[in-house]
Each structure stands twice: as structure tokens, then as C-alpha cells.
PDB file of all heavy atoms in Angstrom:
ATOM      1  N   VAL A   1      -5.318   5.973  -1.597  1.00  0.00           N
ATOM      2  CA  VAL A   1      -4.678   7.242  -1.239  1.00  0.00           C
ATOM      3  C   VAL A   1      -3.149   7.043  -1.061  1.00  0.00           C
ATOM      4  O   VAL A   1      -2.296   7.781  -1.551  1.00  0.00           O
ATOM      5  CB  VAL A   1      -5.359   7.948  -0.075  1.00  0.00           C
ATOM      6  CG1 VAL A   1      -4.546   9.206   0.347  1.00  0.00           C
ATOM      7  CG2 VAL A   1      -6.821   8.284  -0.364  1.00  0.00           C
ATOM      8  N   MET A   2      -2.814   6.005  -0.281  1.00  0.00           N
ATOM      9  CA  MET A   2      -1.387   5.771   0.008  1.00  0.00           C
ATOM     10  C   MET A   2      -0.679   5.313  -1.208  1.00  0.00           C
ATOM     11  O   MET A   2       0.580   5.689  -1.378  1.00  0.00           O
ATOM     12  CB  MET A   2      -1.294   4.727   1.176  1.00  0.00           C
ATOM     13  CG  MET A   2      -1.974   5.223   2.472  1.00  0.00           C
ATOM     14  SD  MET A   2      -1.985   3.927   3.779  1.00  0.00           S
ATOM     15  CE  MET A   2      -0.191   3.900   4.266  1.00  0.00           C
ATOM     16  N   VAL A   3      -1.285   4.528  -2.038  1.00  0.00           N
ATOM     17  CA  VAL A   3      -0.601   4.069  -3.277  1.00  0.00           C
ATOM     18  C   VAL A   3      -0.297   5.235  -4.251  1.00  0.00           C
ATOM     19  O   VAL A   3       0.723   5.405  -4.864  1.00  0.00           O
ATOM     20  CB  VAL A   3      -1.422   2.992  -3.992  1.00  0.00           C
ATOM     21  CG1 VAL A   3      -0.903   2.713  -5.437  1.00  0.00           C
ATOM     22  CG2 VAL A   3      -1.317   1.637  -3.147  1.00  0.00           C
ATOM     23  N   THR A   4      -1.333   6.131  -4.268  1.00  0.00           N
ATOM     24  CA  THR A   4      -1.139   7.317  -5.137  1.00  0.00           C
ATOM     25  C   THR A   4      -0.011   8.146  -4.637  1.00  0.00           C
ATOM     26  O   THR A   4       0.901   8.624  -5.396  1.00  0.00           O
ATOM     27  CB  THR A   4      -2.424   8.189  -5.132  1.00  0.00           C
ATOM     28  OG1 THR A   4      -3.520   7.343  -5.610  1.00  0.00           O
ATOM     29  CG2 THR A   4      -2.282   9.452  -5.982  1.00  0.00           C
ATOM     30  N   ALA A   5       0.082   8.345  -3.317  1.00  0.00           N
ATOM     31  CA  ALA A   5       1.221   9.131  -2.730  1.00  0.00           C
ATOM     32  C   ALA A   5       2.458   8.320  -2.975  1.00  0.00           C
ATOM     33  O   ALA A   5       3.563   8.900  -3.217  1.00  0.00           O
ATOM     34  CB  ALA A   5       0.969   9.364  -1.217  1.00  0.00           C
ATOM     35  N   GLY A   6       2.418   6.984  -2.864  1.00  0.00           N
ATOM     36  CA  GLY A   6       3.636   6.249  -3.123  1.00  0.00           C
ATOM     37  C   GLY A   6       4.125   6.266  -4.534  1.00  0.00           C
ATOM     38  O   GLY A   6       5.411   6.276  -4.758  1.00  0.00           O
ATOM     39  N   ILE A   7       3.292   6.377  -5.468  1.00  0.00           N
ATOM     40  CA  ILE A   7       3.737   6.532  -6.893  1.00  0.00           C
ATOM     41  C   ILE A   7       4.433   7.862  -7.065  1.00  0.00           C
ATOM     42  O   ILE A   7       5.469   7.908  -7.690  1.00  0.00           O
ATOM     43  CB  ILE A   7       2.495   6.454  -7.842  1.00  0.00           C
ATOM     44  CG1 ILE A   7       1.871   5.076  -7.832  1.00  0.00           C
ATOM     45  CG2 ILE A   7       2.829   6.812  -9.188  1.00  0.00           C
ATOM     46  CD1 ILE A   7       0.607   4.931  -8.600  1.00  0.00           C
ATOM     47  N   VAL A   8       3.903   8.931  -6.499  1.00  0.00           N
ATOM     48  CA  VAL A   8       4.609  10.237  -6.526  1.00  0.00           C
ATOM     49  C   VAL A   8       5.909  10.119  -5.790  1.00  0.00           C
ATOM     50  O   VAL A   8       6.974  10.628  -6.229  1.00  0.00           O
ATOM     51  CB  VAL A   8       3.678  11.338  -5.963  1.00  0.00           C
ATOM     52  CG1 VAL A   8       4.409  12.717  -5.942  1.00  0.00           C
ATOM     53  CG2 VAL A   8       2.401  11.502  -6.729  1.00  0.00           C
ATOM     54  N   ASN A   9       5.901   9.463  -4.588  1.00  0.00           N
ATOM     55  CA  ASN A   9       7.156   9.291  -3.831  1.00  0.00           C
ATOM     56  C   ASN A   9       8.237   8.515  -4.676  1.00  0.00           C
ATOM     57  O   ASN A   9       9.377   8.918  -4.718  1.00  0.00           O
ATOM     58  CB  ASN A   9       6.846   8.573  -2.573  1.00  0.00           C
ATOM     59  CG  ASN A   9       8.015   8.187  -1.802  1.00  0.00           C
ATOM     60  OD1 ASN A   9       8.816   9.058  -1.423  1.00  0.00           O
ATOM     61  ND2 ASN A   9       8.128   6.943  -1.403  1.00  0.00           N
ATOM     62  N   SER A  10       7.849   7.506  -5.436  1.00  0.00           N
ATOM     63  CA  SER A  10       8.833   6.734  -6.207  1.00  0.00           C
ATOM     64  C   SER A  10       9.217   7.548  -7.485  1.00  0.00           C
ATOM     65  O   SER A  10      10.421   7.519  -7.850  1.00  0.00           O
ATOM     66  CB  SER A  10       8.245   5.356  -6.567  1.00  0.00           C
ATOM     67  OG  SER A  10       7.961   4.597  -5.493  1.00  0.00           O
ATOM     68  N   ALA A  11       8.262   8.244  -8.053  1.00  0.00           N
ATOM     69  CA  ALA A  11       8.613   8.944  -9.260  1.00  0.00           C
ATOM     70  C   ALA A  11       9.543  10.118  -9.027  1.00  0.00           C
ATOM     71  O   ALA A  11      10.391  10.431  -9.860  1.00  0.00           O
ATOM     72  CB  ALA A  11       7.333   9.393  -9.952  1.00  0.00           C
ATOM     73  N   THR A  12       9.359  10.761  -7.857  1.00  0.00           N
ATOM     74  CA  THR A  12      10.262  11.944  -7.606  1.00  0.00           C
ATOM     75  C   THR A  12      11.610  11.589  -6.947  1.00  0.00           C
ATOM     76  O   THR A  12      12.556  12.308  -6.863  1.00  0.00           O
ATOM     77  CB  THR A  12       9.523  12.867  -6.493  1.00  0.00           C
ATOM     78  OG1 THR A  12       9.227  12.139  -5.424  1.00  0.00           O
ATOM     79  CG2 THR A  12       8.297  13.434  -7.207  1.00  0.00           C
ATOM     80  N   GLY A  13      11.738  10.296  -6.581  1.00  0.00           N
ATOM     81  CA  GLY A  13      12.929   9.797  -5.922  1.00  0.00           C
ATOM     82  C   GLY A  13      13.183  10.130  -4.518  1.00  0.00           C
ATOM     83  O   GLY A  13      14.197   9.908  -3.877  1.00  0.00           O
ATOM     84  N   ALA A  14      12.031  10.647  -3.855  1.00  0.00           N
ATOM     85  CA  ALA A  14      12.158  10.991  -2.383  1.00  0.00           C
ATOM     86  C   ALA A  14      12.379   9.686  -1.576  1.00  0.00           C
ATOM     87  O   ALA A  14      13.066   9.696  -0.545  1.00  0.00           O
ATOM     88  CB  ALA A  14      10.932  11.667  -1.945  1.00  0.00           C
ATOM     89  N   VAL A  15      11.748   8.632  -1.857  1.00  0.00           N
ATOM     90  CA  VAL A  15      11.883   7.271  -1.241  1.00  0.00           C
ATOM     91  C   VAL A  15      11.670   7.404   0.204  1.00  0.00           C
ATOM     92  O   VAL A  15      12.421   6.927   1.092  1.00  0.00           O
ATOM     93  CB  VAL A  15      13.189   6.621  -1.601  1.00  0.00           C
ATOM     94  CG1 VAL A  15      13.267   5.189  -1.173  1.00  0.00           C
ATOM     95  CG2 VAL A  15      13.690   6.794  -3.036  1.00  0.00           C
ATOM     96  N   LEU A  16      10.461   8.008   0.612  1.00  0.00           N
ATOM     97  CA  LEU A  16      10.173   8.141   1.997  1.00  0.00           C
ATOM     98  C   LEU A  16       9.923   6.792   2.565  1.00  0.00           C
ATOM     99  O   LEU A  16       9.096   5.990   2.012  1.00  0.00           O
ATOM    100  CB  LEU A  16       8.905   9.068   2.240  1.00  0.00           C
ATOM    101  CG  LEU A  16       9.108  10.528   1.666  1.00  0.00           C
ATOM    102  CD1 LEU A  16       7.760  11.251   1.869  1.00  0.00           C
ATOM    103  CD2 LEU A  16      10.214  11.157   2.476  1.00  0.00           C
ATOM    104  N   GLN A  17      10.430   6.478   3.781  1.00  0.00           N
ATOM    105  CA  GLN A  17      10.166   5.219   4.479  1.00  0.00           C
ATOM    106  C   GLN A  17       8.736   5.071   4.889  1.00  0.00           C
ATOM    107  O   GLN A  17       8.262   4.005   5.207  1.00  0.00           O
ATOM    108  CB  GLN A  17      11.152   5.029   5.596  1.00  0.00           C
ATOM    109  CG  GLN A  17      12.597   4.907   5.201  1.00  0.00           C
ATOM    110  CD  GLN A  17      13.473   4.530   6.350  1.00  0.00           C
ATOM    111  OE1 GLN A  17      13.407   3.511   6.888  1.00  0.00           O
ATOM    112  NE2 GLN A  17      14.410   5.427   6.651  1.00  0.00           N
ATOM    113  N   ALA A  18       7.938   6.176   4.966  1.00  0.00           N
ATOM    114  CA  ALA A  18       6.568   6.054   5.299  1.00  0.00           C
ATOM    115  C   ALA A  18       5.762   5.206   4.357  1.00  0.00           C
ATOM    116  O   ALA A  18       4.643   4.806   4.611  1.00  0.00           O
ATOM    117  CB  ALA A  18       5.967   7.531   5.420  1.00  0.00           C
ATOM    118  N   ALA A  19       6.368   5.048   3.095  1.00  0.00           N
ATOM    119  CA  ALA A  19       5.708   4.155   2.220  1.00  0.00           C
ATOM    120  C   ALA A  19       5.499   2.774   2.607  1.00  0.00           C
ATOM    121  O   ALA A  19       4.552   2.048   2.184  1.00  0.00           O
ATOM    122  CB  ALA A  19       6.419   4.215   0.807  1.00  0.00           C
ATOM    123  N   LEU A  20       6.336   2.338   3.600  1.00  0.00           N
ATOM    124  CA  LEU A  20       6.179   0.991   4.200  1.00  0.00           C
ATOM    125  C   LEU A  20       4.895   0.851   4.999  1.00  0.00           C
ATOM    126  O   LEU A  20       4.457  -0.262   5.268  1.00  0.00           O
ATOM    127  CB  LEU A  20       7.357   0.643   5.061  1.00  0.00           C
ATOM    128  CG  LEU A  20       8.762   0.541   4.329  1.00  0.00           C
ATOM    129  CD1 LEU A  20       9.835   0.380   5.326  1.00  0.00           C
ATOM    130  CD2 LEU A  20       8.653  -0.547   3.250  1.00  0.00           C
ATOM    131  N   LEU A  21       4.275   2.009   5.353  1.00  0.00           N
ATOM    132  CA  LEU A  21       3.042   1.793   6.159  1.00  0.00           C
ATOM    133  C   LEU A  21       1.847   1.278   5.400  1.00  0.00           C
ATOM    134  O   LEU A  21       0.861   0.876   5.917  1.00  0.00           O
ATOM    135  CB  LEU A  21       2.622   3.276   6.638  1.00  0.00           C
ATOM    136  CG  LEU A  21       3.616   3.972   7.550  1.00  0.00           C
ATOM    137  CD1 LEU A  21       3.172   5.330   7.954  1.00  0.00           C
ATOM    138  CD2 LEU A  21       3.800   3.155   8.849  1.00  0.00           C
ATOM    139  N   GLN A  22       2.101   1.111   4.063  1.00  0.00           N
ATOM    140  CA  GLN A  22       1.064   0.429   3.224  1.00  0.00           C
ATOM    141  C   GLN A  22       0.795  -1.006   3.699  1.00  0.00           C
ATOM    142  O   GLN A  22      -0.247  -1.603   3.489  1.00  0.00           O
ATOM    143  CB  GLN A  22       1.373   0.535   1.752  1.00  0.00           C
ATOM    144  CG  GLN A  22       1.494   1.868   1.157  1.00  0.00           C
ATOM    145  CD  GLN A  22       2.059   1.894  -0.255  1.00  0.00           C
ATOM    146  OE1 GLN A  22       1.327   1.636  -1.197  1.00  0.00           O
ATOM    147  NE2 GLN A  22       3.315   2.223  -0.325  1.00  0.00           N
ATOM    148  N   LEU A  23       1.859  -1.554   4.261  1.00  0.00           N
ATOM    149  CA  LEU A  23       1.810  -2.969   4.716  1.00  0.00           C
ATOM    150  C   LEU A  23       0.774  -3.124   5.801  1.00  0.00           C
ATOM    151  O   LEU A  23       0.145  -4.183   5.954  1.00  0.00           O
ATOM    152  CB  LEU A  23       3.159  -3.398   5.144  1.00  0.00           C
ATOM    153  CG  LEU A  23       4.297  -3.485   4.024  1.00  0.00           C
ATOM    154  CD1 LEU A  23       5.642  -3.983   4.645  1.00  0.00           C
ATOM    155  CD2 LEU A  23       3.854  -4.402   2.877  1.00  0.00           C
ATOM    156  N   PHE A  24       0.567  -2.145   6.617  1.00  0.00           N
ATOM    157  CA  PHE A  24      -0.507  -2.175   7.631  1.00  0.00           C
ATOM    158  C   PHE A  24      -1.828  -2.382   6.977  1.00  0.00           C
ATOM    159  O   PHE A  24      -2.658  -3.126   7.496  1.00  0.00           O
ATOM    160  CB  PHE A  24      -0.477  -0.994   8.511  1.00  0.00           C
ATOM    161  CG  PHE A  24       0.590  -0.882   9.572  1.00  0.00           C
ATOM    162  CD1 PHE A  24       1.770  -0.167   9.341  1.00  0.00           C
ATOM    163  CD2 PHE A  24       0.463  -1.558  10.697  1.00  0.00           C
ATOM    164  CE1 PHE A  24       2.717  -0.144  10.278  1.00  0.00           C
ATOM    165  CE2 PHE A  24       1.406  -1.522  11.698  1.00  0.00           C
ATOM    166  CZ  PHE A  24       2.631  -0.818  11.586  1.00  0.00           C
ATOM    167  N   VAL A  25      -2.049  -1.621   5.926  1.00  0.00           N
ATOM    168  CA  VAL A  25      -3.340  -1.792   5.310  1.00  0.00           C
ATOM    169  C   VAL A  25      -3.544  -3.138   4.603  1.00  0.00           C
ATOM    170  O   VAL A  25      -4.558  -3.764   4.577  1.00  0.00           O
ATOM    171  CB  VAL A  25      -3.499  -0.630   4.194  1.00  0.00           C
ATOM    172  CG1 VAL A  25      -4.933  -0.776   3.566  1.00  0.00           C
ATOM    173  CG2 VAL A  25      -3.264   0.688   4.876  1.00  0.00           C
ATOM    174  N   VAL A  26      -2.458  -3.675   3.980  1.00  0.00           N
ATOM    175  CA  VAL A  26      -2.419  -4.989   3.389  1.00  0.00           C
ATOM    176  C   VAL A  26      -2.720  -6.061   4.464  1.00  0.00           C
ATOM    177  O   VAL A  26      -3.515  -6.950   4.223  1.00  0.00           O
ATOM    178  CB  VAL A  26      -1.084  -5.266   2.734  1.00  0.00           C
ATOM    179  CG1 VAL A  26      -1.056  -6.744   2.240  1.00  0.00           C
ATOM    180  CG2 VAL A  26      -0.908  -4.362   1.507  1.00  0.00           C
ATOM    181  N   PHE A  27      -2.123  -5.895   5.714  1.00  0.00           N
ATOM    182  CA  PHE A  27      -2.374  -6.802   6.766  1.00  0.00           C
ATOM    183  C   PHE A  27      -3.910  -6.846   7.082  1.00  0.00           C
ATOM    184  O   PHE A  27      -4.541  -7.830   7.277  1.00  0.00           O
ATOM    185  CB  PHE A  27      -1.593  -6.385   7.937  1.00  0.00           C
ATOM    186  CG  PHE A  27      -1.840  -7.244   9.214  1.00  0.00           C
ATOM    187  CD1 PHE A  27      -1.250  -8.517   9.306  1.00  0.00           C
ATOM    188  CD2 PHE A  27      -2.693  -6.910  10.192  1.00  0.00           C
ATOM    189  CE1 PHE A  27      -1.519  -9.259  10.465  1.00  0.00           C
ATOM    190  CE2 PHE A  27      -2.963  -7.577  11.290  1.00  0.00           C
ATOM    191  CZ  PHE A  27      -2.313  -8.814  11.441  1.00  0.00           C
ATOM    192  N   ASN A  28      -4.561  -5.619   7.154  1.00  0.00           N
ATOM    193  CA  ASN A  28      -5.917  -5.534   7.441  1.00  0.00           C
ATOM    194  C   ASN A  28      -6.801  -6.112   6.471  1.00  0.00           C
ATOM    195  O   ASN A  28      -7.839  -6.737   6.645  1.00  0.00           O
ATOM    196  CB  ASN A  28      -6.313  -4.100   7.724  1.00  0.00           C
ATOM    197  CG  ASN A  28      -6.001  -3.662   9.248  1.00  0.00           C
ATOM    198  OD1 ASN A  28      -6.827  -3.780  10.114  1.00  0.00           O
ATOM    199  ND2 ASN A  28      -4.819  -3.112   9.318  1.00  0.00           N
ATOM    200  N   LEU A  29      -6.425  -5.990   5.182  1.00  0.00           N
ATOM    201  CA  LEU A  29      -7.123  -6.657   4.104  1.00  0.00           C
ATOM    202  C   LEU A  29      -7.089  -8.192   4.207  1.00  0.00           C
ATOM    203  O   LEU A  29      -8.108  -8.913   3.943  1.00  0.00           O
ATOM    204  CB  LEU A  29      -6.528  -6.249   2.700  1.00  0.00           C
ATOM    205  CG  LEU A  29      -6.778  -4.711   2.228  1.00  0.00           C
ATOM    206  CD1 LEU A  29      -6.045  -4.457   0.990  1.00  0.00           C
ATOM    207  CD2 LEU A  29      -8.323  -4.592   2.043  1.00  0.00           C
ATOM    208  N   ALA A  30      -5.832  -8.663   4.562  1.00  0.00           N
ATOM    209  CA  ALA A  30      -5.755 -10.111   4.676  1.00  0.00           C
ATOM    210  C   ALA A  30      -6.525 -10.561   5.886  1.00  0.00           C
ATOM    211  O   ALA A  30      -7.031 -11.745   5.940  1.00  0.00           O
ATOM    212  CB  ALA A  30      -4.292 -10.585   4.923  1.00  0.00           C
ATOM    213  N   LEU A  31      -6.742  -9.754   6.830  1.00  0.00           N
ATOM    214  CA  LEU A  31      -7.415 -10.033   8.132  1.00  0.00           C
ATOM    215  C   LEU A  31      -8.928 -10.012   7.972  1.00  0.00           C
ATOM    216  O   LEU A  31      -9.651 -10.870   8.593  1.00  0.00           O
ATOM    217  CB  LEU A  31      -7.034  -9.117   9.206  1.00  0.00           C
ATOM    218  CG  LEU A  31      -7.316  -9.455  10.681  1.00  0.00           C
ATOM    219  CD1 LEU A  31      -6.655 -10.739  11.063  1.00  0.00           C
ATOM    220  CD2 LEU A  31      -6.963  -8.396  11.650  1.00  0.00           C
ATOM    221  N   ARG A  32      -9.467  -9.168   7.045  1.00  0.00           N
ATOM    222  CA  ARG A  32     -10.892  -9.030   7.024  1.00  0.00           C
ATOM    223  C   ARG A  32     -11.495  -9.141   5.613  1.00  0.00           C
ATOM    224  O   ARG A  32     -12.769  -9.455   5.574  1.00  0.00           O
ATOM    225  CB  ARG A  32     -11.254  -7.612   7.642  1.00  0.00           C
ATOM    226  CG  ARG A  32     -10.952  -7.527   9.057  1.00  0.00           C
ATOM    227  CD  ARG A  32     -11.241  -6.174   9.648  1.00  0.00           C
ATOM    228  NE  ARG A  32     -10.999  -6.049  11.103  1.00  0.00           N
ATOM    229  CZ  ARG A  32      -9.842  -5.776  11.611  1.00  0.00           C
ATOM    230  NH1 ARG A  32      -8.826  -5.504  10.852  1.00  0.00           N
ATOM    231  NH2 ARG A  32      -9.758  -5.708  12.941  1.00  0.00           N
ATOM    232  N   ALA A  33     -10.826  -8.844   4.573  1.00  0.00           N
ATOM    233  CA  ALA A  33     -11.385  -8.761   3.206  1.00  0.00           C
ATOM    234  C   ALA A  33     -11.400 -10.145   2.575  1.00  0.00           C
ATOM    235  O   ALA A  33     -10.856 -11.091   3.012  1.00  0.00           O
ATOM    236  CB  ALA A  33     -10.623  -7.728   2.446  1.00  0.00           C
ATOM    237  N   ARG A  34     -12.116 -10.166   1.442  1.00  0.00           N
ATOM    238  CA  ARG A  34     -12.121 -11.394   0.646  1.00  0.00           C
ATOM    239  C   ARG A  34     -10.803 -11.568  -0.140  1.00  0.00           C
ATOM    240  O   ARG A  34      -9.998 -10.630  -0.236  1.00  0.00           O
ATOM    241  CB  ARG A  34     -13.266 -11.342  -0.367  1.00  0.00           C
ATOM    242  CG  ARG A  34     -14.636 -11.327   0.219  1.00  0.00           C
ATOM    243  CD  ARG A  34     -15.725 -11.162  -0.729  1.00  0.00           C
ATOM    244  NE  ARG A  34     -15.649  -9.981  -1.497  1.00  0.00           N
ATOM    245  CZ  ARG A  34     -16.423  -9.671  -2.580  1.00  0.00           C
ATOM    246  NH1 ARG A  34     -17.341 -10.520  -2.960  1.00  0.00           N
ATOM    247  NH2 ARG A  34     -16.261  -8.570  -3.190  1.00  0.00           N
ATOM    248  N   ALA A  35     -10.554 -12.726  -0.598  1.00  0.00           N
ATOM    249  CA  ALA A  35      -9.302 -13.056  -1.288  1.00  0.00           C
ATOM    250  C   ALA A  35      -9.080 -12.178  -2.552  1.00  0.00           C
ATOM    251  O   ALA A  35      -7.980 -11.767  -2.755  1.00  0.00           O
ATOM    252  CB  ALA A  35      -9.317 -14.537  -1.733  1.00  0.00           C
ATOM    253  N   ARG A  36     -10.226 -11.864  -3.250  1.00  0.00           N
ATOM    254  CA  ARG A  36     -10.071 -11.022  -4.420  1.00  0.00           C
ATOM    255  C   ARG A  36      -9.688  -9.675  -4.086  1.00  0.00           C
ATOM    256  O   ARG A  36      -8.777  -9.050  -4.786  1.00  0.00           O
ATOM    257  CB  ARG A  36     -11.348 -11.100  -5.241  1.00  0.00           C
ATOM    258  CG  ARG A  36     -11.367 -10.234  -6.437  1.00  0.00           C
ATOM    259  CD  ARG A  36     -12.820 -10.259  -7.105  1.00  0.00           C
ATOM    260  NE  ARG A  36     -13.325 -11.619  -7.382  1.00  0.00           N
ATOM    261  CZ  ARG A  36     -14.414 -11.903  -7.885  1.00  0.00           C
ATOM    262  NH1 ARG A  36     -15.269 -10.937  -8.168  1.00  0.00           N
ATOM    263  NH2 ARG A  36     -14.747 -13.159  -8.191  1.00  0.00           N
ATOM    264  N   THR A  37     -10.193  -9.150  -3.028  1.00  0.00           N
ATOM    265  CA  THR A  37      -9.826  -7.758  -2.541  1.00  0.00           C
ATOM    266  C   THR A  37      -8.349  -7.725  -2.119  1.00  0.00           C
ATOM    267  O   THR A  37      -7.601  -6.763  -2.363  1.00  0.00           O
ATOM    268  CB  THR A  37     -10.775  -7.350  -1.392  1.00  0.00           C
ATOM    269  OG1 THR A  37     -12.102  -7.428  -1.910  1.00  0.00           O
ATOM    270  CG2 THR A  37     -10.476  -5.938  -1.046  1.00  0.00           C
ATOM    271  N   LEU A  38      -7.977  -8.820  -1.496  1.00  0.00           N
ATOM    272  CA  LEU A  38      -6.579  -8.976  -0.933  1.00  0.00           C
ATOM    273  C   LEU A  38      -5.571  -8.918  -2.174  1.00  0.00           C
ATOM    274  O   LEU A  38      -4.536  -8.192  -2.147  1.00  0.00           O
ATOM    275  CB  LEU A  38      -6.392 -10.114  -0.154  1.00  0.00           C
ATOM    276  CG  LEU A  38      -4.909 -10.439   0.328  1.00  0.00           C
ATOM    277  CD1 LEU A  38      -4.336  -9.220   1.111  1.00  0.00           C
ATOM    278  CD2 LEU A  38      -4.877 -11.726   1.123  1.00  0.00           C
ATOM    279  N   LEU A  39      -5.921  -9.733  -3.194  1.00  0.00           N
ATOM    280  CA  LEU A  39      -5.016  -9.787  -4.365  1.00  0.00           C
ATOM    281  C   LEU A  39      -4.946  -8.383  -5.034  1.00  0.00           C
ATOM    282  O   LEU A  39      -3.966  -7.852  -5.479  1.00  0.00           O
ATOM    283  CB  LEU A  39      -5.554 -10.804  -5.346  1.00  0.00           C
ATOM    284  CG  LEU A  39      -5.370 -12.285  -4.895  1.00  0.00           C
ATOM    285  CD1 LEU A  39      -6.054 -13.207  -5.871  1.00  0.00           C
ATOM    286  CD2 LEU A  39      -3.888 -12.633  -4.735  1.00  0.00           C
ATOM    287  N   LEU A  40      -6.120  -7.714  -5.119  1.00  0.00           N
ATOM    288  CA  LEU A  40      -6.097  -6.368  -5.759  1.00  0.00           C
ATOM    289  C   LEU A  40      -5.306  -5.414  -5.001  1.00  0.00           C
ATOM    290  O   LEU A  40      -4.543  -4.650  -5.485  1.00  0.00           O
ATOM    291  CB  LEU A  40      -7.593  -5.851  -5.808  1.00  0.00           C
ATOM    292  CG  LEU A  40      -7.780  -4.478  -6.382  1.00  0.00           C
ATOM    293  CD1 LEU A  40      -7.264  -4.375  -7.824  1.00  0.00           C
ATOM    294  CD2 LEU A  40      -9.240  -4.069  -6.380  1.00  0.00           C
ATOM    295  N   GLY A  41      -5.379  -5.483  -3.580  1.00  0.00           N
ATOM    296  CA  GLY A  41      -4.562  -4.619  -2.757  1.00  0.00           C
ATOM    297  C   GLY A  41      -3.065  -4.885  -2.947  1.00  0.00           C
ATOM    298  O   GLY A  41      -2.247  -3.899  -2.981  1.00  0.00           O
ATOM    299  N   CYS A  42      -2.680  -6.133  -3.038  1.00  0.00           N
ATOM    300  CA  CYS A  42      -1.241  -6.468  -3.186  1.00  0.00           C
ATOM    301  C   CYS A  42      -0.827  -5.912  -4.573  1.00  0.00           C
ATOM    302  O   CYS A  42       0.361  -5.444  -4.700  1.00  0.00           O
ATOM    303  CB  CYS A  42      -1.103  -7.981  -3.143  1.00  0.00           C
ATOM    304  SG  CYS A  42      -1.373  -8.646  -1.445  1.00  0.00           S
TER     305      CYS A  42
END
């Protein structure tokens, strides 16, 4: 959901800094998910 909103954010040029919140989800993937899921999330 956040990547989809990030694509629209980048495509429209709004460049909202809330897009950096995706890094929280990446951190949780690295903390709990398998390596394949982490690579897919990155």
C-alpha cells in the first residue's frame, strides 16, 4: 500500500517526506521475515 502511494507521490512530484516511513516496514521485514521476502521488500 505504501509503495503504491509512493509511486503516485513520485509521479505527481509531491515528494512527501512521509514516503520515508517505508523504511520502518523494511526494518520489520529484516527483523522477522525471510531473506527472500526482505529482498522483495527492498
